[in-house]
């Protein structure tokens, strides 16, 4: 019996680059590696695992 996928939408991750990848962070239990780009407001949400990423410009 399959267990429901664990949603991680409450987690927020800061990035120093506007383009990066997400693989779900679960190793073999993660999702396919996809590339994401932060949008106009500096945020993007992964369509697979719902992780929220925020761009923070390095000083």
Protein backbone atom coordinates (compact mmCIF):
# COMPACT_ATOMS: atom_id res chain seq x y z
CA UNK A 1 0.00 0.00 0.00
CA UNK A 2 1.38 3.41 -0.96
CA UNK A 3 1.59 6.17 1.60
CA UNK A 4 0.42 9.69 0.68
CA UNK A 5 3.22 11.97 -0.43
CA UNK A 6 4.53 14.15 2.38
CA UNK A 7 4.08 17.82 1.51
CA UNK A 8 6.84 20.21 2.54
CA UNK A 9 5.10 23.45 1.61
CA UNK A 10 5.80 25.03 4.97
CA UNK A 11 9.55 24.92 4.41
CA UNK A 12 11.21 27.97 2.92
CA UNK A 13 14.68 27.96 1.41
CA UNK A 14 16.91 30.95 0.67
CA UNK A 15 18.96 30.96 -2.53
CA UNK A 16 21.84 33.19 -3.61
CA UNK A 17 21.23 32.45 -7.29
CA UNK A 18 18.04 33.04 -9.31
CA UNK A 19 18.46 29.71 -11.14
CA UNK A 20 18.86 26.45 -9.21
CA UNK A 21 17.53 22.90 -9.06
CA UNK A 22 15.23 20.94 -6.77
CA UNK A 23 15.10 17.16 -6.44
CA UNK A 24 12.88 16.89 -3.39
CA UNK A 25 15.84 16.25 -1.12
CA UNK A 26 14.73 12.69 -0.41
CA UNK A 27 17.36 10.76 -2.33
CA UNK A 28 15.61 7.84 -4.01
CA UNK A 29 12.33 8.99 -2.45
CA UNK A 30 12.58 12.52 -3.89
CA UNK A 31 11.28 13.63 -7.28
CA UNK A 32 12.92 14.14 -10.68
CA UNK A 33 15.54 16.88 -10.73
CA UNK A 34 14.06 20.06 -12.20
CA UNK A 35 15.53 23.52 -12.73
CA UNK A 36 13.69 26.50 -11.25
CA UNK A 37 14.11 30.24 -11.77
CA UNK A 38 12.96 32.83 -9.25
CA UNK A 39 10.42 35.15 -10.81
CA UNK A 40 9.84 38.88 -10.72
CA UNK A 41 9.32 38.94 -6.95
CA UNK A 42 12.27 36.66 -6.16
CA UNK A 43 10.24 33.60 -5.20
CA UNK A 44 9.30 30.29 -6.78
CA UNK A 45 7.50 27.15 -5.55
CA UNK A 46 8.52 23.69 -6.72
CA UNK A 47 5.57 22.10 -8.55
CA UNK A 48 6.51 18.61 -7.29
CA UNK A 49 7.18 19.04 -3.56
CA UNK A 50 5.80 22.56 -2.88
CA UNK A 51 9.06 23.83 -1.36
CA UNK A 52 9.21 27.63 -1.46
CA UNK A 53 12.46 29.24 -2.55
CA UNK A 54 13.43 32.90 -2.03
CA UNK A 55 16.23 34.72 -3.82
CA UNK A 56 18.52 36.68 -1.50
CA UNK A 57 21.10 38.80 -3.23
CA UNK A 58 24.51 38.28 -1.63
CA UNK A 59 26.19 41.38 -0.27
